[in-house]
Amino acid sequence: MDSYSSPPPHMGGGQSPEAIMEQLEAQFAEAYAEEMLETLRAKCFDKCVTSPGSSLSSGESSCVSRCVDRYLEATAIISRSLMSQQR
């Protein structure tokens, strides 16, 4: 038996390729969500919250909301563009 016969245990040995793909997709989705939240925090919070405190002022809250909306809209546009290029 050579080293290519079966995957090592940490690579999902004994699992179907479909199960491995599902795990990878779930891990990718989690990493993407974490990255998006960190980006939103870095860009929107840092831009909109000038003096952090125990709560947001109405202006800060509105700014964060608009910033997040713009970021999500831009992400959707980019995603649609990439998907159309793949076809």
PDB file of N, CA and C in Angstrom:
ATOM      1  N   MET A   1       0.853  -1.180   0.000  1.00  0.00           N
ATOM      2  CA  MET A   1       0.000   0.000   0.000  1.00  0.00           C
ATOM      3  C   MET A   1       0.890   1.231   0.000  1.00  0.00           C
ATOM      4  N   ASP A   2       0.679   2.144  -0.921  1.00  0.00           N
ATOM      5  CA  ASP A   2       1.481   3.359  -0.974  1.00  0.00           C
ATOM      6  C   ASP A   2       0.807   4.487  -0.199  1.00  0.00           C
ATOM      7  N   SER A   3       1.509   5.615  -0.094  1.00  0.00           N
ATOM      8  CA  SER A   3       1.010   6.742   0.699  1.00  0.00           C
ATOM      9  C   SER A   3      -0.182   7.431   0.051  1.00  0.00           C
ATOM     10  N   TYR A   4      -0.509   7.086  -1.191  1.00  0.00           N
ATOM     11  CA  TYR A   4      -1.622   7.721  -1.887  1.00  0.00           C
ATOM     12  C   TYR A   4      -2.916   6.917  -1.774  1.00  0.00           C
ATOM     13  N   SER A   5      -2.891   5.764  -1.114  1.00  0.00           N
ATOM     14  CA  SER A   5      -4.056   4.894  -1.048  1.00  0.00           C
ATOM     15  C   SER A   5      -5.192   5.481  -0.240  1.00  0.00           C
ATOM     16  N   SER A   6      -4.883   6.067   0.902  1.00  0.00           N
ATOM     17  CA  SER A   6      -5.937   6.620   1.741  1.00  0.00           C
ATOM     18  C   SER A   6      -5.432   7.888   2.399  1.00  0.00           C
ATOM     19  N   PRO A   7      -6.347   8.824   2.617  1.00  0.00           N
ATOM     20  CA  PRO A   7      -5.930  10.078   3.233  1.00  0.00           C
ATOM     21  C   PRO A   7      -5.596   9.879   4.699  1.00  0.00           C
ATOM     22  N   PRO A   8      -4.699  10.705   5.230  1.00  0.00           N
ATOM     23  CA  PRO A   8      -4.385  10.603   6.649  1.00  0.00           C
ATOM     24  C   PRO A   8      -5.622  10.926   7.477  1.00  0.00           C
ATOM     25  N   PRO A   9      -5.666  10.472   8.733  1.00  0.00           N
ATOM     26  CA  PRO A   9      -6.849  10.675   9.563  1.00  0.00           C
ATOM     27  C   PRO A   9      -7.282  12.133   9.669  1.00  0.00           C
ATOM     28  N   HIS A  10      -6.338  13.074   9.729  1.00  0.00           N
ATOM     29  CA  HIS A  10      -6.714  14.474   9.854  1.00  0.00           C
ATOM     30  C   HIS A  10      -7.320  15.035   8.574  1.00  0.00           C
ATOM     31  N   MET A  11      -7.239  14.288   7.486  1.00  0.00           N
ATOM     32  CA  MET A  11      -7.805  14.738   6.209  1.00  0.00           C
ATOM     33  C   MET A  11      -9.142  14.070   5.926  1.00  0.00           C
ATOM     34  N   GLY A  12      -9.749  13.461   6.938  1.00  0.00           N
ATOM     35  CA  GLY A  12     -11.072  12.891   6.752  1.00  0.00           C
ATOM     36  C   GLY A  12     -11.057  11.469   6.242  1.00  0.00           C
ATOM     37  N   GLY A  13     -10.036  10.682   6.613  1.00  0.00           N
ATOM     38  CA  GLY A  13      -9.978   9.290   6.203  1.00  0.00           C
ATOM     39  C   GLY A  13     -11.264   8.568   6.571  1.00  0.00           C
ATOM     40  N   GLY A  14     -11.816   7.819   5.636  1.00  0.00           N
ATOM     41  CA  GLY A  14     -13.031   7.082   5.888  1.00  0.00           C
ATOM     42  C   GLY A  14     -14.295   7.860   5.551  1.00  0.00           C
ATOM     43  N   GLN A  15     -14.194   9.127   5.267  1.00  0.00           N
ATOM     44  CA  GLN A  15     -15.364   9.930   4.913  1.00  0.00           C
ATOM     45  C   GLN A  15     -15.510   9.958   3.396  1.00  0.00           C
ATOM     46  N   SER A  16     -16.744  10.130   2.973  1.00  0.00           N
ATOM     47  CA  SER A  16     -16.989  10.231   1.533  1.00  0.00           C
ATOM     48  C   SER A  16     -16.479  11.580   1.031  1.00  0.00           C
ATOM     49  N   PRO A  17     -16.178  11.663  -0.240  1.00  0.00           N
ATOM     50  CA  PRO A  17     -15.752  12.958  -0.803  1.00  0.00           C
ATOM     51  C   PRO A  17     -16.808  14.043  -0.600  1.00  0.00           C
ATOM     52  N   GLU A  18     -18.085  13.659  -0.661  1.00  0.00           N
ATOM     53  CA  GLU A  18     -19.153  14.632  -0.456  1.00  0.00           C
ATOM     54  C   GLU A  18     -19.119  15.197   0.965  1.00  0.00           C
ATOM     55  N   ALA A  19     -18.889  14.336   1.949  1.00  0.00           N
ATOM     56  CA  ALA A  19     -18.828  14.782   3.343  1.00  0.00           C
ATOM     57  C   ALA A  19     -17.633  15.704   3.558  1.00  0.00           C
ATOM     58  N   ILE A  20     -16.527  15.365   2.932  1.00  0.00           N
ATOM     59  CA  ILE A  20     -15.334  16.214   3.041  1.00  0.00           C
ATOM     60  C   ILE A  20     -15.600  17.573   2.413  1.00  0.00           C
ATOM     61  N   MET A  21     -16.257  17.585   1.240  1.00  0.00           N
ATOM     62  CA  MET A  21     -16.582  18.853   0.588  1.00  0.00           C
ATOM     63  C   MET A  21     -17.519  19.693   1.453  1.00  0.00           C
ATOM     64  N   GLU A  22     -18.497  19.063   2.083  1.00  0.00           N
ATOM     65  CA  GLU A  22     -19.415  19.787   2.961  1.00  0.00           C
ATOM     66  C   GLU A  22     -18.656  20.420   4.125  1.00  0.00           C
ATOM     67  N   GLN A  23     -17.714  19.671   4.695  1.00  0.00           N
ATOM     68  CA  GLN A  23     -16.903  20.210   5.798  1.00  0.00           C
ATOM     69  C   GLN A  23     -16.076  21.397   5.321  1.00  0.00           C
ATOM     70  N   LEU A  24     -15.457  21.261   4.169  1.00  0.00           N
ATOM     71  CA  LEU A  24     -14.642  22.346   3.626  1.00  0.00           C
ATOM     72  C   LEU A  24     -15.487  23.578   3.327  1.00  0.00           C
ATOM     73  N   GLU A  25     -16.677  23.376   2.764  1.00  0.00           N
ATOM     74  CA  GLU A  25     -17.562  24.500   2.466  1.00  0.00           C
ATOM     75  C   GLU A  25     -17.997  25.201   3.754  1.00  0.00           C
ATOM     76  N   ALA A  26     -18.282  24.425   4.796  1.00  0.00           N
ATOM     77  CA  ALA A  26     -18.679  25.017   6.074  1.00  0.00           C
ATOM     78  C   ALA A  26     -17.522  25.809   6.682  1.00  0.00           C
ATOM     79  N   GLN A  27     -16.318  25.267   6.599  1.00  0.00           N
ATOM     80  CA  GLN A  27     -15.146  25.974   7.113  1.00  0.00           C
ATOM     81  C   GLN A  27     -14.891  27.249   6.317  1.00  0.00           C
ATOM     82  N   PHE A  28     -15.070  27.180   5.002  1.00  0.00           N
ATOM     83  CA  PHE A  28     -14.883  28.354   4.154  1.00  0.00           C
ATOM     84  C   PHE A  28     -15.908  29.427   4.506  1.00  0.00           C
ATOM     85  N   ALA A  29     -17.164  29.029   4.677  1.00  0.00           N
ATOM     86  CA  ALA A  29     -18.221  29.983   5.011  1.00  0.00           C
ATOM     87  C   ALA A  29     -17.945  30.644   6.360  1.00  0.00           C
ATOM     88  N   GLU A  30     -17.480  29.866   7.322  1.00  0.00           N
ATOM     89  CA  GLU A  30     -17.160  30.420   8.640  1.00  0.00           C
ATOM     90  C   GLU A  30     -16.000  31.412   8.553  1.00  0.00           C
ATOM     91  N   ALA A  31     -14.964  31.047   7.810  1.00  0.00           N
ATOM     92  CA  ALA A  31     -13.812  31.938   7.657  1.00  0.00           C
ATOM     93  C   ALA A  31     -14.218  33.216   6.928  1.00  0.00           C
ATOM     94  N   TYR A  32     -15.084  33.086   5.927  1.00  0.00           N
ATOM     95  CA  TYR A  32     -15.551  34.251   5.176  1.00  0.00           C
ATOM     96  C   TYR A  32     -16.348  35.188   6.083  1.00  0.00           C
ATOM     97  N   ALA A  33     -17.228  34.614   6.900  1.00  0.00           N
ATOM     98  CA  ALA A  33     -18.029  35.428   7.818  1.00  0.00           C
ATOM     99  C   ALA A  33     -17.145  36.142   8.828  1.00  0.00           C
ATOM    100  N   GLU A  34     -16.156  35.449   9.366  1.00  0.00           N
ATOM    101  CA  GLU A  34     -15.237  36.071  10.317  1.00  0.00           C
ATOM    102  C   GLU A  34     -14.466  37.213   9.669  1.00  0.00           C
ATOM    103  N   GLU A  35     -14.001  36.982   8.440  1.00  0.00           N
ATOM    104  CA  GLU A  35     -13.256  38.023   7.731  1.00  0.00           C
ATOM    105  C   GLU A  35     -14.139  39.227   7.436  1.00  0.00           C
ATOM    106  N   MET A  36     -15.395  38.965   7.046  1.00  0.00           N
ATOM    107  CA  MET A  36     -16.304  40.064   6.756  1.00  0.00           C
ATOM    108  C   MET A  36     -16.572  40.885   8.016  1.00  0.00           C
ATOM    109  N   LEU A  37     -16.817  40.217   9.132  1.00  0.00           N
ATOM    110  CA  LEU A  37     -17.059  40.942  10.377  1.00  0.00           C
ATOM    111  C   LEU A  37     -15.844  41.771  10.790  1.00  0.00           C
ATOM    112  N   GLU A  38     -14.667  41.216  10.638  1.00  0.00           N
ATOM    113  CA  GLU A  38     -13.456  41.951  10.993  1.00  0.00           C
ATOM    114  C   GLU A  38     -13.272  43.155  10.078  1.00  0.00           C
ATOM    115  N   THR A  39     -13.550  42.985   8.787  1.00  0.00           N
ATOM    116  CA  THR A  39     -13.443  44.094   7.839  1.00  0.00           C
ATOM    117  C   THR A  39     -14.447  45.185   8.182  1.00  0.00           C
ATOM    118  N   LEU A  40     -15.683  44.782   8.465  1.00  0.00           N
ATOM    119  CA  LEU A  40     -16.703  45.762   8.839  1.00  0.00           C
ATOM    120  C   LEU A  40     -16.297  46.499  10.109  1.00  0.00           C
ATOM    121  N   ARG A  41     -15.784  45.771  11.075  1.00  0.00           N
ATOM    122  CA  ARG A  41     -15.344  46.406  12.308  1.00  0.00           C
ATOM    123  C   ARG A  41     -14.225  47.395  12.020  1.00  0.00           C
ATOM    124  N   ALA A  42     -13.263  46.966  11.277  1.00  0.00           N
ATOM    125  CA  ALA A  42     -12.108  47.814  11.005  1.00  0.00           C
ATOM    126  C   ALA A  42     -12.511  49.064  10.220  1.00  0.00           C
ATOM    127  N   LYS A  43     -13.315  48.877   9.199  1.00  0.00           N
ATOM    128  CA  LYS A  43     -13.662  50.011   8.344  1.00  0.00           C
ATOM    129  C   LYS A  43     -14.771  50.875   8.942  1.00  0.00           C
ATOM    130  N   CYS A  44     -15.878  50.262   9.306  1.00  0.00           N
ATOM    131  CA  CYS A  44     -17.049  51.037   9.730  1.00  0.00           C
ATOM    132  C   CYS A  44     -16.923  51.552  11.155  1.00  0.00           C
ATOM    133  N   PHE A  45     -16.515  50.708  12.072  1.00  0.00           N
ATOM    134  CA  PHE A  45     -16.402  51.155  13.458  1.00  0.00           C
ATOM    135  C   PHE A  45     -15.333  52.236  13.565  1.00  0.00           C
ATOM    136  N   ASP A  46     -14.180  51.976  12.990  1.00  0.00           N
ATOM    137  CA  ASP A  46     -13.094  52.952  13.079  1.00  0.00           C
ATOM    138  C   ASP A  46     -13.460  54.272  12.401  1.00  0.00           C
ATOM    139  N   LYS A  47     -14.236  54.216  11.324  1.00  0.00           N
ATOM    140  CA  LYS A  47     -14.633  55.429  10.610  1.00  0.00           C
ATOM    141  C   LYS A  47     -15.711  56.198  11.358  1.00  0.00           C
ATOM    142  N   CYS A  48     -16.660  55.473  11.929  1.00  0.00           N
ATOM    143  CA  CYS A  48     -17.870  56.110  12.459  1.00  0.00           C
ATOM    144  C   CYS A  48     -17.838  56.410  13.949  1.00  0.00           C
ATOM    145  N   VAL A  49     -17.075  55.652  14.702  1.00  0.00           N
ATOM    146  CA  VAL A  49     -17.091  55.830  16.157  1.00  0.00           C
ATOM    147  C   VAL A  49     -15.848  56.617  16.548  1.00  0.00           C
ATOM    148  N   THR A  50     -16.059  57.901  16.791  1.00  0.00           N
ATOM    149  CA  THR A  50     -14.922  58.786  17.072  1.00  0.00           C
ATOM    150  C   THR A  50     -14.479  58.738  18.532  1.00  0.00           C
ATOM    151  N   SER A  51     -15.415  58.514  19.431  1.00  0.00           N
ATOM    152  CA  SER A  51     -15.050  58.425  20.849  1.00  0.00           C
ATOM    153  C   SER A  51     -15.820  57.264  21.478  1.00  0.00           C
ATOM    154  N   PRO A  52     -15.211  56.067  21.462  1.00  0.00           N
ATOM    155  CA  PRO A  52     -15.892  54.883  21.984  1.00  0.00           C
ATOM    156  C   PRO A  52     -16.345  55.076  23.436  1.00  0.00           C
ATOM    157  N   GLY A  53     -17.513  54.583  23.725  1.00  0.00           N
ATOM    158  CA  GLY A  53     -18.073  54.642  25.065  1.00  0.00           C
ATOM    159  C   GLY A  53     -18.920  53.413  25.301  1.00  0.00           C
ATOM    160  N   SER A  54     -19.831  53.521  26.241  1.00  0.00           N
ATOM    161  CA  SER A  54     -20.665  52.371  26.565  1.00  0.00           C
ATOM    162  C   SER A  54     -21.817  52.185  25.582  1.00  0.00           C
ATOM    163  N   SER A  55     -22.088  53.188  24.762  1.00  0.00           N
ATOM    164  CA  SER A  55     -23.137  53.077  23.750  1.00  0.00           C
ATOM    165  C   SER A  55     -22.812  53.998  22.580  1.00  0.00           C
ATOM    166  N   LEU A  56     -23.505  53.764  21.470  1.00  0.00           N
ATOM    167  CA  LEU A  56     -23.304  54.590  20.276  1.00  0.00           C
ATOM    168  C   LEU A  56     -24.270  55.766  20.298  1.00  0.00           C
ATOM    169  N   SER A  57     -23.799  56.903  19.844  1.00  0.00           N
ATOM    170  CA  SER A  57     -24.709  58.035  19.659  1.00  0.00           C
ATOM    171  C   SER A  57     -25.578  57.737  18.441  1.00  0.00           C
ATOM    172  N   SER A  58     -26.638  58.499  18.249  1.00  0.00           N
ATOM    173  CA  SER A  58     -27.508  58.263  17.095  1.00  0.00           C
ATOM    174  C   SER A  58     -26.757  58.506  15.789  1.00  0.00           C
ATOM    175  N   GLY A  59     -25.875  59.498  15.770  1.00  0.00           N
ATOM    176  CA  GLY A  59     -25.080  59.761  14.571  1.00  0.00           C
ATOM    177  C   GLY A  59     -24.119  58.629  14.271  1.00  0.00           C
ATOM    178  N   GLU A  60     -23.476  58.102  15.304  1.00  0.00           N
ATOM    179  CA  GLU A  60     -22.559  56.980  15.118  1.00  0.00           C
ATOM    180  C   GLU A  60     -23.322  55.742  14.647  1.00  0.00           C
ATOM    181  N   SER A  61     -24.469  55.502  15.241  1.00  0.00           N
ATOM    182  CA  SER A  61     -25.283  54.354  14.864  1.00  0.00           C
ATOM    183  C   SER A  61     -25.711  54.449  13.401  1.00  0.00           C
ATOM    184  N   SER A  62     -26.157  55.624  12.977  1.00  0.00           N
ATOM    185  CA  SER A  62     -26.554  55.830  11.584  1.00  0.00           C
ATOM    186  C   SER A  62     -25.373  55.637  10.644  1.00  0.00           C
ATOM    187  N   CYS A  63     -24.222  56.164  11.033  1.00  0.00           N
ATOM    188  CA  CYS A  63     -23.014  56.040  10.211  1.00  0.00           C
ATOM    189  C   CYS A  63     -22.621  54.579  10.049  1.00  0.00           C
ATOM    190  N   VAL A  64     -22.617  53.824  11.148  1.00  0.00           N
ATOM    191  CA  VAL A  64     -22.261  52.405  11.088  1.00  0.00           C
ATOM    192  C   VAL A  64     -23.254  51.660  10.200  1.00  0.00           C
ATOM    193  N   SER A  65     -24.527  51.949  10.358  1.00  0.00           N
ATOM    194  CA  SER A  65     -25.559  51.284   9.558  1.00  0.00           C
ATOM    195  C   SER A  65     -25.366  51.558   8.066  1.00  0.00           C
ATOM    196  N   ARG A  66     -25.135  52.811   7.707  1.00  0.00           N
ATOM    197  CA  ARG A  66     -24.913  53.159   6.293  1.00  0.00           C
ATOM    198  C   ARG A  66     -23.638  52.503   5.766  1.00  0.00           C
ATOM    199  N   CYS A  67     -22.603  52.510   6.569  1.00  0.00           N
ATOM    200  CA  CYS A  67     -21.324  51.912   6.163  1.00  0.00           C
ATOM    201  C   CYS A  67     -21.488  50.409   5.902  1.00  0.00           C
ATOM    202  N   VAL A  68     -22.154  49.723   6.814  1.00  0.00           N
ATOM    203  CA  VAL A  68     -22.381  48.282   6.651  1.00  0.00           C
ATOM    204  C   VAL A  68     -23.224  48.025   5.412  1.00  0.00           C
ATOM    205  N   ASP A  69     -24.279  48.810   5.215  1.00  0.00           N
ATOM    206  CA  ASP A  69     -25.126  48.647   4.030  1.00  0.00           C
ATOM    207  C   ASP A  69     -24.318  48.815   2.752  1.00  0.00           C
ATOM    208  N   ARG A  70     -23.479  49.843   2.700  1.00  0.00           N
ATOM    209  CA  ARG A  70     -22.645  50.078   1.504  1.00  0.00           C
ATOM    210  C   ARG A  70     -21.677  48.923   1.283  1.00  0.00           C
ATOM    211  N   TYR A  71     -21.060  48.437   2.347  1.00  0.00           N
ATOM    212  CA  TYR A  71     -20.104  47.334   2.226  1.00  0.00           C
ATOM    213  C   TYR A  71     -20.801  46.077   1.713  1.00  0.00           C
ATOM    214  N   LEU A  72     -21.965  45.748   2.281  1.00  0.00           N
ATOM    215  CA  LEU A  72     -22.694  44.555   1.839  1.00  0.00           C
ATOM    216  C   LEU A  72     -23.163  44.698   0.396  1.00  0.00           C
ATOM    217  N   GLU A  73     -23.599  45.887   0.025  1.00  0.00           N
ATOM    218  CA  GLU A  73     -24.020  46.122  -1.351  1.00  0.00           C
ATOM    219  C   GLU A  73     -22.842  45.953  -2.312  1.00  0.00           C
ATOM    220  N   ALA A  74     -21.701  46.504  -1.958  1.00  0.00           N
ATOM    221  CA  ALA A  74     -20.512  46.371  -2.806  1.00  0.00           C
ATOM    222  C   ALA A  74     -20.077  44.909  -2.906  1.00  0.00           C
ATOM    223  N   THR A  75     -20.142  44.186  -1.794  1.00  0.00           N
ATOM    224  CA  THR A  75     -19.783  42.774  -1.802  1.00  0.00           C
ATOM    225  C   THR A  75     -20.716  41.985  -2.711  1.00  0.00           C
ATOM    226  N   ALA A  76     -22.009  42.285  -2.677  1.00  0.00           N
ATOM    227  CA  ALA A  76     -22.970  41.598  -3.536  1.00  0.00           C
ATOM    228  C   ALA A  76     -22.696  41.886  -5.006  1.00  0.00           C
ATOM    229  N   ILE A  77     -22.383  43.131  -5.326  1.00  0.00           N
ATOM    230  CA  ILE A  77     -22.070  43.500  -6.720  1.00  0.00           C
ATOM    231  C   ILE A  77     -20.845  42.748  -7.207  1.00  0.00           C
ATOM    232  N   ILE A  78     -19.830  42.709  -6.383  1.00  0.00           N
ATOM    233  CA  ILE A  78     -18.600  41.997  -6.754  1.00  0.00           C
ATOM    234  C   ILE A  78     -18.870  40.507  -6.924  1.00  0.00           C
ATOM    235  N   SER A  79     -19.640  39.932  -6.007  1.00  0.00           N
ATOM    236  CA  SER A  79     -19.972  38.500  -6.094  1.00  0.00           C
ATOM    237  C   SER A  79     -20.720  38.190  -7.382  1.00  0.00           C
ATOM    238  N   ARG A  80     -21.724  39.006  -7.711  1.00  0.00           N
ATOM    239  CA  ARG A  80     -22.481  38.781  -8.953  1.00  0.00           C
ATOM    240  C   ARG A  80     -21.563  38.892 -10.171  1.00  0.00           C
ATOM    241  N   SER A  81     -20.654  39.847 -10.145  1.00  0.00           N
ATOM    242  CA  SER A  81     -19.734  40.014 -11.261  1.00  0.00           C
ATOM    243  C   SER A  81     -18.826  38.796 -11.415  1.00  0.00           C
ATOM    244  N   LEU A  82     -18.301  38.305 -10.315  1.00  0.00           N
ATOM    245  CA  LEU A  82     -17.439  37.133 -10.369  1.00  0.00           C
ATOM    246  C   LEU A  82     -18.206  35.903 -10.848  1.00  0.00           C
ATOM    247  N   MET A  83     -19.443  35.758 -10.373  1.00  0.00           N
ATOM    248  CA  MET A  83     -20.256  34.606 -10.784  1.00  0.00           C
ATOM    249  C   MET A  83     -20.550  34.665 -12.294  1.00  0.00           C
ATOM    250  N   SER A  84     -20.828  35.861 -12.808  1.00  0.00           N
ATOM    251  CA  SER A  84     -21.136  35.978 -14.248  1.00  0.00           C
ATOM    252  C   SER A  84     -19.890  35.705 -15.092  1.00  0.00           C
ATOM    253  N   GLN A  85     -18.711  36.011 -14.574  1.00  0.00           N
ATOM    254  CA  GLN A  85     -17.472  35.751 -15.303  1.00  0.00           C
ATOM    255  C   GLN A  85     -17.168  34.257 -15.364  1.00  0.00           C
ATOM    256  N   GLN A  86     -17.632  33.509 -14.361  1.00  0.00           N
ATOM    257  CA  GLN A  86     -17.364  32.074 -14.327  1.00  0.00           C
ATOM    258  C   GLN A  86     -18.231  31.303 -15.318  1.00  0.00           C
ATOM    259  N   ARG A  87     -19.312  31.906 -15.770  1.00  0.00           N
ATOM    260  CA  ARG A  87     -20.240  31.212 -16.698  1.00  0.00           C
ATOM    261  C   ARG A  87     -19.766  31.263 -18.097  1.00  0.00           C
TER     262      ARG A  87
END
